[in-house]
Amino acid sequence: MRLGGLTRGRILSRYKRFLADVELEDGRRVTVHCPNTGSMASCWAPGAPVEVSRSHNANRKYPWTLERVDMGSGWIGVNTARVNAVIENGVRDGRLPHLDGYRALKREPAFAVEGRPRSRFDLLLSDGGRPDAYVEVKNTTLLVGDTVAFPDAVTVRGRKHLELLAIAVERGYRGVIVFAVNRPEGAYFAPASHIDPAYAECLEDVVRRGVEVIVARLRHTPDAIEVAASLAYCRDPR
């Protein structure tokens, strides 16, 4: 996925969940949109180098968007809105072998369960000579020692997605969760049980019920993000 027209700076502060103050390389100080609902723990510190993009949409209150942060080892992707497209490109380019062979891909497919609000997954893969695959993608950036973990904040919505994937498996589909590791450090992936033990327990439960886990490392180049490799999955980063 191409990232055109990025501007460098350094982050000064982050507040109100979706805002950050950045000093651009030309000395200007701007308030930027931070499209990340998590805590961003281990992903930023005052003074860290950043890259931001600028929108030319006149209706936006904050035209600048925080894209990535360097904590000393390379870029960390913090714009969660980018990740689905990166994984989609990885599927189309054959960089995710466990999802190879499907000829059709649909974004944000609806998934209905009686008695629950109508929900959507990130992707639906079909026409592949095997069960269709519902895919949910999670941007994964929390670093705990040598392990990258998810989530970085308690997520009721994340548990809901896991349960729906398990229901999809019960209905004869593949249910797949892709943890997109969006930073260069870390040799392993694990659920962040020290932050959200309920999510970790739910993940373990749905895996027993047939939900598949894919851990994909994303690589940042000067002007793009791409799927690079897979990581091992362990149970607990502590």
C-alpha atoms as a PDB file:
ATOM      1  CA  MET A   1       0.000   0.000   0.000  1.00  0.00           C
ATOM      2  CA  ARG A   2       1.448   3.329  -1.078  1.00  0.00           C
ATOM      3  CA  LEU A   3       1.882   6.181   1.402  1.00  0.00           C
ATOM      4  CA  GLY A   4       2.377   9.314  -0.620  1.00  0.00           C
ATOM      5  CA  GLY A   5       3.275  12.797   0.542  1.00  0.00           C
ATOM      6  CA  LEU A   6       4.308  12.155   4.141  1.00  0.00           C
ATOM      7  CA  THR A   7       5.811  14.936   6.261  1.00  0.00           C
ATOM      8  CA  ARG A   8       8.261  14.325   9.086  1.00  0.00           C
ATOM      9  CA  GLY A   9       8.146  15.807  12.544  1.00  0.00           C
ATOM     10  CA  ARG A  10       8.221  14.843  16.201  1.00  0.00           C
ATOM     11  CA  ILE A  11       5.312  14.089  18.491  1.00  0.00           C
ATOM     12  CA  LEU A  12       4.878  16.341  21.517  1.00  0.00           C
ATOM     13  CA  SER A  13       1.764  14.926  23.200  1.00  0.00           C
ATOM     14  CA  ARG A  14      -1.298  12.760  22.653  1.00  0.00           C
ATOM     15  CA  TYR A  15      -4.654  13.499  24.273  1.00  0.00           C
ATOM     16  CA  LYS A  16      -8.439  13.005  24.013  1.00  0.00           C
ATOM     17  CA  ARG A  17      -7.706   9.628  22.350  1.00  0.00           C
ATOM     18  CA  PHE A  18      -7.823  10.972  18.803  1.00  0.00           C
ATOM     19  CA  LEU A  19      -5.584  14.047  18.925  1.00  0.00           C
ATOM     20  CA  ALA A  20      -1.835  14.638  19.080  1.00  0.00           C
ATOM     21  CA  ASP A  21       0.388  17.684  18.893  1.00  0.00           C
ATOM     22  CA  VAL A  22       3.275  17.441  16.443  1.00  0.00           C
ATOM     23  CA  GLU A  23       6.120  19.770  15.595  1.00  0.00           C
ATOM     24  CA  LEU A  24       6.751  19.496  11.853  1.00  0.00           C
ATOM     25  CA  GLU A  25      10.255  19.504  10.408  1.00  0.00           C
ATOM     26  CA  ASP A  26       9.828  23.142   9.359  1.00  0.00           C
ATOM     27  CA  GLY A  27       9.133  24.157  12.965  1.00  0.00           C
ATOM     28  CA  ARG A  28       5.355  24.544  12.738  1.00  0.00           C
ATOM     29  CA  ARG A  29       3.279  23.030  15.559  1.00  0.00           C
ATOM     30  CA  VAL A  30       0.046  21.379  14.451  1.00  0.00           C
ATOM     31  CA  THR A  31      -2.731  19.331  16.036  1.00  0.00           C
ATOM     32  CA  VAL A  32      -3.152  16.070  14.140  1.00  0.00           C
ATOM     33  CA  HIS A  33      -5.857  13.422  14.015  1.00  0.00           C
ATOM     34  CA  CYS A  34      -4.726  10.181  15.638  1.00  0.00           C
ATOM     35  CA  PRO A  35      -6.844   7.363  14.122  1.00  0.00           C
ATOM     36  CA  ASN A  36      -6.166   4.780  16.817  1.00  0.00           C
ATOM     37  CA  THR A  37      -8.661   3.752  19.505  1.00  0.00           C
ATOM     38  CA  GLY A  38      -6.108   1.912  21.625  1.00  0.00           C
ATOM     39  CA  SER A  39      -3.753   3.193  24.292  1.00  0.00           C
ATOM     40  CA  MET A  40      -0.773   3.210  21.878  1.00  0.00           C
ATOM     41  CA  ALA A  41       1.360   1.938  24.767  1.00  0.00           C
ATOM     42  CA  SER A  42       4.981   1.384  23.632  1.00  0.00           C
ATOM     43  CA  CYS A  43       4.181   3.230  20.381  1.00  0.00           C
ATOM     44  CA  TRP A  44       4.961   6.823  21.246  1.00  0.00           C
ATOM     45  CA  ALA A  45       6.886   9.063  23.604  1.00  0.00           C
ATOM     46  CA  PRO A  46       7.360  12.840  23.615  1.00  0.00           C
ATOM     47  CA  GLY A  47      10.002  13.765  21.058  1.00  0.00           C
ATOM     48  CA  ALA A  48       9.747  10.561  19.009  1.00  0.00           C
ATOM     49  CA  PRO A  49      10.077  11.004  15.228  1.00  0.00           C
ATOM     50  CA  VAL A  50       6.787  10.726  13.320  1.00  0.00           C
ATOM     51  CA  GLU A  51       5.407  10.969   9.819  1.00  0.00           C
ATOM     52  CA  VAL A  52       2.046  12.590   9.141  1.00  0.00           C
ATOM     53  CA  SER A  53      -0.141  12.915   6.068  1.00  0.00           C
ATOM     54  CA  ARG A  54      -2.191  15.938   5.050  1.00  0.00           C
ATOM     55  CA  SER A  55      -5.732  15.829   3.675  1.00  0.00           C
ATOM     56  CA  HIS A  56      -6.977  18.473   1.272  1.00  0.00           C
ATOM     57  CA  ASN A  57     -10.590  17.939   2.359  1.00  0.00           C
ATOM     58  CA  ALA A  58     -11.753  21.418   3.365  1.00  0.00           C
ATOM     59  CA  ASN A  59     -14.390  19.938   5.691  1.00  0.00           C
ATOM     60  CA  ARG A  60     -11.845  18.312   7.995  1.00  0.00           C
ATOM     61  CA  LYS A  61     -11.226  20.131  11.249  1.00  0.00           C
ATOM     62  CA  TYR A  62      -7.770  18.556  11.545  1.00  0.00           C
ATOM     63  CA  PRO A  63      -6.223  18.096   8.088  1.00  0.00           C
ATOM     64  CA  TRP A  64      -3.115  16.306   9.382  1.00  0.00           C
ATOM     65  CA  THR A  65      -3.155  12.572  10.289  1.00  0.00           C
ATOM     66  CA  LEU A  66      -0.597  10.683  12.364  1.00  0.00           C
ATOM     67  CA  GLU A  67       0.650   7.761  10.256  1.00  0.00           C
ATOM     68  CA  ARG A  68       3.695   6.244  11.943  1.00  0.00           C
ATOM     69  CA  VAL A  69       6.107   6.670  14.839  1.00  0.00           C
ATOM     70  CA  ASP A  70       9.738   5.602  15.256  1.00  0.00           C
ATOM     71  CA  MET A  71      10.613   4.442  18.773  1.00  0.00           C
ATOM     72  CA  GLY A  72      14.203   3.702  17.811  1.00  0.00           C
ATOM     73  CA  SER A  73      13.958   0.535  15.721  1.00  0.00           C
ATOM     74  CA  GLY A  74      11.927   1.666  12.715  1.00  0.00           C
ATOM     75  CA  TRP A  75       8.434   2.761  11.828  1.00  0.00           C
ATOM     76  CA  ILE A  76       5.391   1.644  13.828  1.00  0.00           C
ATOM     77  CA  GLY A  77       2.108   1.993  11.946  1.00  0.00           C
ATOM     78  CA  VAL A  78      -0.450   3.684  14.189  1.00  0.00           C
ATOM     79  CA  ASN A  79      -3.090   4.597  11.595  1.00  0.00           C
ATOM     80  CA  THR A  80      -5.442   1.649  12.021  1.00  0.00           C
ATOM     81  CA  ALA A  81      -7.451   2.731   8.970  1.00  0.00           C
ATOM     82  CA  ARG A  82      -4.575   1.627   6.718  1.00  0.00           C
ATOM     83  CA  VAL A  83      -4.249  -1.962   7.894  1.00  0.00           C
ATOM     84  CA  ASN A  84      -7.197  -3.637   6.171  1.00  0.00           C
ATOM     85  CA  ALA A  85      -6.007  -2.416   2.780  1.00  0.00           C
ATOM     86  CA  VAL A  86      -2.481  -3.682   3.485  1.00  0.00           C
ATOM     87  CA  ILE A  87      -3.796  -7.147   4.379  1.00  0.00           C
ATOM     88  CA  GLU A  88      -6.115  -7.120   1.364  1.00  0.00           C
ATOM     89  CA  ASN A  89      -3.144  -6.359  -0.889  1.00  0.00           C
ATOM     90  CA  GLY A  90      -1.200  -9.124   0.819  1.00  0.00           C
ATOM     91  CA  VAL A  91      -3.982 -11.611   0.078  1.00  0.00           C
ATOM     92  CA  ARG A  92      -4.155 -10.551  -3.566  1.00  0.00           C
ATOM     93  CA  ASP A  93      -0.360 -10.731  -3.929  1.00  0.00           C
ATOM     94  CA  GLY A  94      -0.105 -14.191  -2.375  1.00  0.00           C
ATOM     95  CA  ARG A  95       1.815 -13.003   0.701  1.00  0.00           C
ATOM     96  CA  LEU A  96      -0.544 -14.818   3.095  1.00  0.00           C
ATOM     97  CA  PRO A  97      -0.240 -18.486   2.065  1.00  0.00           C
ATOM     98  CA  HIS A  98      -3.027 -19.685   4.385  1.00  0.00           C
ATOM     99  CA  LEU A  99      -5.440 -17.452   2.469  1.00  0.00           C
ATOM    100  CA  ASP A 100      -4.262 -18.348  -1.042  1.00  0.00           C
ATOM    101  CA  GLY A 101      -6.491 -19.751  -3.766  1.00  0.00           C
ATOM    102  CA  TYR A 102      -9.622 -17.613  -3.453  1.00  0.00           C
ATOM    103  CA  ARG A 103     -10.743 -15.833  -6.598  1.00  0.00           C
ATOM    104  CA  ALA A 104     -13.210 -13.408  -4.987  1.00  0.00           C
ATOM    105  CA  LEU A 105     -12.694 -10.920  -2.173  1.00  0.00           C
ATOM    106  CA  LYS A 106     -15.378  -8.757  -0.562  1.00  0.00           C
ATOM    107  CA  ARG A 107     -14.764  -5.916   1.869  1.00  0.00           C
ATOM    108  CA  GLU A 108     -16.835  -5.506   5.044  1.00  0.00           C
ATOM    109  CA  PRO A 109     -19.247  -8.416   4.470  1.00  0.00           C
ATOM    110  CA  ALA A 110     -22.337  -8.476   6.658  1.00  0.00           C
ATOM    111  CA  PHE A 111     -22.785 -11.384   9.071  1.00  0.00           C
ATOM    112  CA  ALA A 112     -26.156 -11.958  10.695  1.00  0.00           C
ATOM    113  CA  VAL A 113     -26.798 -13.891  13.900  1.00  0.00           C
ATOM    114  CA  GLU A 114     -30.343 -14.183  15.214  1.00  0.00           C
ATOM    115  CA  GLY A 115     -30.838 -12.154  18.372  1.00  0.00           C
ATOM    116  CA  ARG A 116     -27.728 -10.027  17.827  1.00  0.00           C
ATOM    117  CA  PRO A 117     -27.181  -6.730  16.019  1.00  0.00           C
ATOM    118  CA  ARG A 118     -26.078  -7.128  12.420  1.00  0.00           C
ATOM    119  CA  SER A 119     -22.285  -7.184  12.255  1.00  0.00           C
ATOM    120  CA  ARG A 120     -19.527  -7.005   9.650  1.00  0.00           C
ATOM    121  CA  PHE A 121     -16.158  -8.650   9.262  1.00  0.00           C
ATOM    122  CA  ASP A 122     -13.260  -7.027   7.438  1.00  0.00           C
ATOM    123  CA  LEU A 123     -13.044  -9.455   4.502  1.00  0.00           C
ATOM    124  CA  LEU A 124     -14.855 -12.385   2.920  1.00  0.00           C
ATOM    125  CA  LEU A 125     -12.865 -14.686   0.630  1.00  0.00           C
ATOM    126  CA  SER A 126     -14.835 -17.001  -1.658  1.00  0.00           C
ATOM    127  CA  ASP A 127     -14.697 -19.088  -4.839  1.00  0.00           C
ATOM    128  CA  GLY A 128     -11.620 -21.015  -3.813  1.00  0.00           C
ATOM    129  CA  GLY A 129     -12.577 -24.681  -3.905  1.00  0.00           C
ATOM    130  CA  ARG A 130     -12.781 -24.773  -0.095  1.00  0.00           C
ATOM    131  CA  PRO A 131     -15.010 -23.144   2.521  1.00  0.00           C
ATOM    132  CA  ASP A 132     -15.414 -19.376   2.218  1.00  0.00           C
ATOM    133  CA  ALA A 133     -13.343 -17.477   4.773  1.00  0.00           C
ATOM    134  CA  TYR A 134     -14.546 -14.658   6.996  1.00  0.00           C
ATOM    135  CA  VAL A 135     -11.499 -12.627   8.021  1.00  0.00           C
ATOM    136  CA  GLU A 136     -11.081 -10.115  10.832  1.00  0.00           C
ATOM    137  CA  VAL A 137      -7.926  -7.941  10.954  1.00  0.00           C
ATOM    138  CA  LYS A 138      -6.390  -6.392  14.076  1.00  0.00           C
ATOM    139  CA  ASN A 139      -3.623  -3.791  14.069  1.00  0.00           C
ATOM    140  CA  THR A 140      -1.086  -5.107  16.581  1.00  0.00           C
ATOM    141  CA  THR A 141       1.561  -2.807  18.042  1.00  0.00           C
ATOM    142  CA  LEU A 142       1.998  -3.404  21.788  1.00  0.00           C
ATOM    143  CA  LEU A 143       5.564  -4.539  22.572  1.00  0.00           C
ATOM    144  CA  VAL A 144       6.127  -6.630  25.723  1.00  0.00           C
ATOM    145  CA  GLY A 145       9.761  -7.714  25.914  1.00  0.00           C
ATOM    146  CA  ASP A 146      10.374  -9.712  22.742  1.00  0.00           C
ATOM    147  CA  THR A 147       6.664 -10.275  22.108  1.00  0.00           C
ATOM    148  CA  VAL A 148       4.090  -8.209  20.232  1.00  0.00           C
ATOM    149  CA  ALA A 149       0.695  -8.455  21.878  1.00  0.00           C
ATOM    150  CA  PHE A 150      -2.957  -7.577  21.346  1.00  0.00           C
ATOM    151  CA  PRO A 151      -4.937  -5.738  22.611  1.00  0.00           C
ATOM    152  CA  ASP A 152      -3.311  -2.659  24.168  1.00  0.00           C
ATOM    153  CA  ALA A 153      -6.587  -1.767  25.919  1.00  0.00           C
ATOM    154  CA  VAL A 154      -9.643  -3.723  27.046  1.00  0.00           C
ATOM    155  CA  THR A 155     -11.808  -4.484  23.998  1.00  0.00           C
ATOM    156  CA  VAL A 156     -15.358  -5.780  24.319  1.00  0.00           C
ATOM    157  CA  ARG A 157     -15.768  -5.300  20.564  1.00  0.00           C
ATOM    158  CA  GLY A 158     -12.744  -7.518  19.947  1.00  0.00           C
ATOM    159  CA  ARG A 159     -14.297 -10.363  21.941  1.00  0.00           C
ATOM    160  CA  LYS A 160     -17.490  -9.976  19.942  1.00  0.00           C
ATOM    161  CA  HIS A 161     -15.547 -10.453  16.722  1.00  0.00           C
ATOM    162  CA  LEU A 162     -13.950 -13.621  18.081  1.00  0.00           C
ATOM    163  CA  GLU A 163     -17.322 -15.083  19.042  1.00  0.00           C
ATOM    164  CA  LEU A 164     -18.736 -14.283  15.607  1.00  0.00           C
ATOM    165  CA  LEU A 165     -15.775 -15.985  13.921  1.00  0.00           C
ATOM    166  CA  ALA A 166     -16.485 -19.103  16.004  1.00  0.00           C
ATOM    167  CA  ILE A 167     -20.139 -19.000  14.902  1.00  0.00           C
ATOM    168  CA  ALA A 168     -18.978 -18.719  11.281  1.00  0.00           C
ATOM    169  CA  VAL A 169     -16.919 -21.892  11.778  1.00  0.00           C
ATOM    170  CA  GLU A 170     -19.944 -23.671  13.239  1.00  0.00           C
ATOM    171  CA  ARG A 171     -21.856 -22.737  10.073  1.00  0.00           C
ATOM    172  CA  GLY A 172     -19.240 -24.375   7.863  1.00  0.00           C
ATOM    173  CA  TYR A 173     -17.115 -21.349   6.962  1.00  0.00           C
ATOM    174  CA  ARG A 174     -13.521 -20.626   7.824  1.00  0.00           C
ATOM    175  CA  GLY A 175     -13.150 -18.067  10.581  1.00  0.00           C
ATOM    176  CA  VAL A 176      -9.767 -16.342  10.476  1.00  0.00           C
ATOM    177  CA  ILE A 177      -8.279 -13.599  12.645  1.00  0.00           C
ATOM    178  CA  VAL A 178      -5.202 -11.834  11.287  1.00  0.00           C
ATOM    179  CA  PHE A 179      -3.027 -10.038  13.801  1.00  0.00           C
ATOM    180  CA  ALA A 180      -1.149  -7.515  11.657  1.00  0.00           C
ATOM    181  CA  VAL A 181       2.097  -6.813  13.517  1.00  0.00           C
ATOM    182  CA  ASN A 182       2.728  -3.212  12.549  1.00  0.00           C
ATOM    183  CA  ARG A 183       6.200  -2.670  14.011  1.00  0.00           C
ATOM    184  CA  PRO A 184       9.660  -4.160  13.342  1.00  0.00           C
ATOM    185  CA  GLU A 185      10.471  -5.514  16.817  1.00  0.00           C
ATOM    186  CA  GLY A 186       9.276  -8.696  18.483  1.00  0.00           C
ATOM    187  CA  ALA A 187       9.884 -12.327  17.589  1.00  0.00           C
ATOM    188  CA  TYR A 188       6.541 -13.689  18.807  1.00  0.00           C
ATOM    189  CA  PHE A 189       2.876 -12.794  19.107  1.00  0.00           C
ATOM    190  CA  ALA A 190       0.646 -13.430  22.109  1.00  0.00           C
ATOM    191  CA  PRO A 191      -2.668 -12.175  23.481  1.00  0.00           C
ATOM    192  CA  ALA A 192      -2.118  -9.435  26.077  1.00  0.00           C
ATOM    193  CA  SER A 193      -3.598 -11.331  29.004  1.00  0.00           C
ATOM    194  CA  HIS A 194      -2.132  -8.833  31.484  1.00  0.00           C
ATOM    195  CA  ILE A 195      -4.276  -6.096  29.887  1.00  0.00           C
ATOM    196  CA  ASP A 196      -7.436  -7.956  28.873  1.00  0.00           C
ATOM    197  CA  PRO A 197      -7.566 -11.478  30.343  1.00  0.00           C
ATOM    198  CA  ALA A 198     -11.110 -11.945  29.039  1.00  0.00           C
ATOM    199  CA  TYR A 199      -9.907 -11.396  25.470  1.00  0.00           C
ATOM    200  CA  ALA A 200      -7.021 -13.837  25.927  1.00  0.00           C
ATOM    201  CA  GLU A 201      -9.381 -16.484  27.314  1.00  0.00           C
ATOM    202  CA  CYS A 202     -11.843 -15.876  24.495  1.00  0.00           C
ATOM    203  CA  LEU A 203      -9.109 -16.225  21.876  1.00  0.00           C
ATOM    204  CA  GLU A 204      -7.969 -19.527  23.355  1.00  0.00           C
ATOM    205  CA  ASP A 205     -11.570 -20.758  23.425  1.00  0.00           C
ATOM    206  CA  VAL A 206     -12.396 -19.890  19.816  1.00  0.00           C
ATOM    207  CA  VAL A 207      -9.144 -21.435  18.584  1.00  0.00           C
ATOM    208  CA  ARG A 208     -10.262 -24.698  20.201  1.00  0.00           C
ATOM    209  CA  ARG A 209     -13.527 -24.282  18.282  1.00  0.00           C
ATOM    210  CA  GLY A 210     -11.748 -23.981  14.948  1.00  0.00           C
ATOM    211  CA  VAL A 211     -10.952 -20.294  14.470  1.00  0.00           C
ATOM    212  CA  GLU A 212      -7.616 -19.866  12.691  1.00  0.00           C
ATOM    213  CA  VAL A 213      -4.943 -17.389  13.801  1.00  0.00           C
ATOM    214  CA  ILE A 214      -2.578 -15.756  11.305  1.00  0.00           C
ATOM    215  CA  VAL A 215       0.173 -13.438  12.545  1.00  0.00           C
ATOM    216  CA  ALA A 216       1.559 -11.297   9.732  1.00  0.00           C
ATOM    217  CA  ARG A 217       4.434  -8.854  10.035  1.00  0.00           C
ATOM    218  CA  LEU A 218       3.990  -5.596   8.135  1.00  0.00           C
ATOM    219  CA  ARG A 219       7.064  -3.919   6.674  1.00  0.00           C
ATOM    220  CA  HIS A 220       7.389  -0.154   6.254  1.00  0.00           C
ATOM    221  CA  THR A 221       9.353   1.243   3.331  1.00  0.00           C
ATOM    222  CA  PRO A 222       9.929   4.970   2.750  1.00  0.00           C
ATOM    223  CA  ASP A 223       6.610   5.317   0.913  1.00  0.00           C
ATOM    224  CA  ALA A 224       4.616   2.111   1.482  1.00  0.00           C
ATOM    225  CA  ILE A 225       3.472  -0.650   3.844  1.00  0.00           C
ATOM    226  CA  GLU A 226       3.443  -4.315   2.787  1.00  0.00           C
ATOM    227  CA  VAL A 227       2.993  -7.797   4.248  1.00  0.00           C
ATOM    228  CA  ALA A 228       6.447  -9.232   4.889  1.00  0.00           C
ATOM    229  CA  ALA A 229       6.433 -12.473   6.904  1.00  0.00           C
ATOM    230  CA  SER A 230       4.685 -14.499   9.590  1.00  0.00           C
ATOM    231  CA  LEU A 231       5.419 -14.696  13.324  1.00  0.00           C
ATOM    232  CA  ALA A 232       5.095 -17.520  15.811  1.00  0.00           C
ATOM    233  CA  TYR A 233       2.072 -17.494  18.109  1.00  0.00           C
ATOM    234  CA  CYS A 234       2.570 -18.153  21.823  1.00  0.00           C
ATOM    235  CA  ARG A 235       0.007 -18.021  24.624  1.00  0.00           C
ATOM    236  CA  ASP A 236       1.290 -15.465  27.117  1.00  0.00           C
ATOM    237  CA  PRO A 237       3.868 -12.658  26.760  1.00  0.00           C
ATOM    238  CA  ARG A 238       4.633 -12.386  30.488  1.00  0.00           C
END
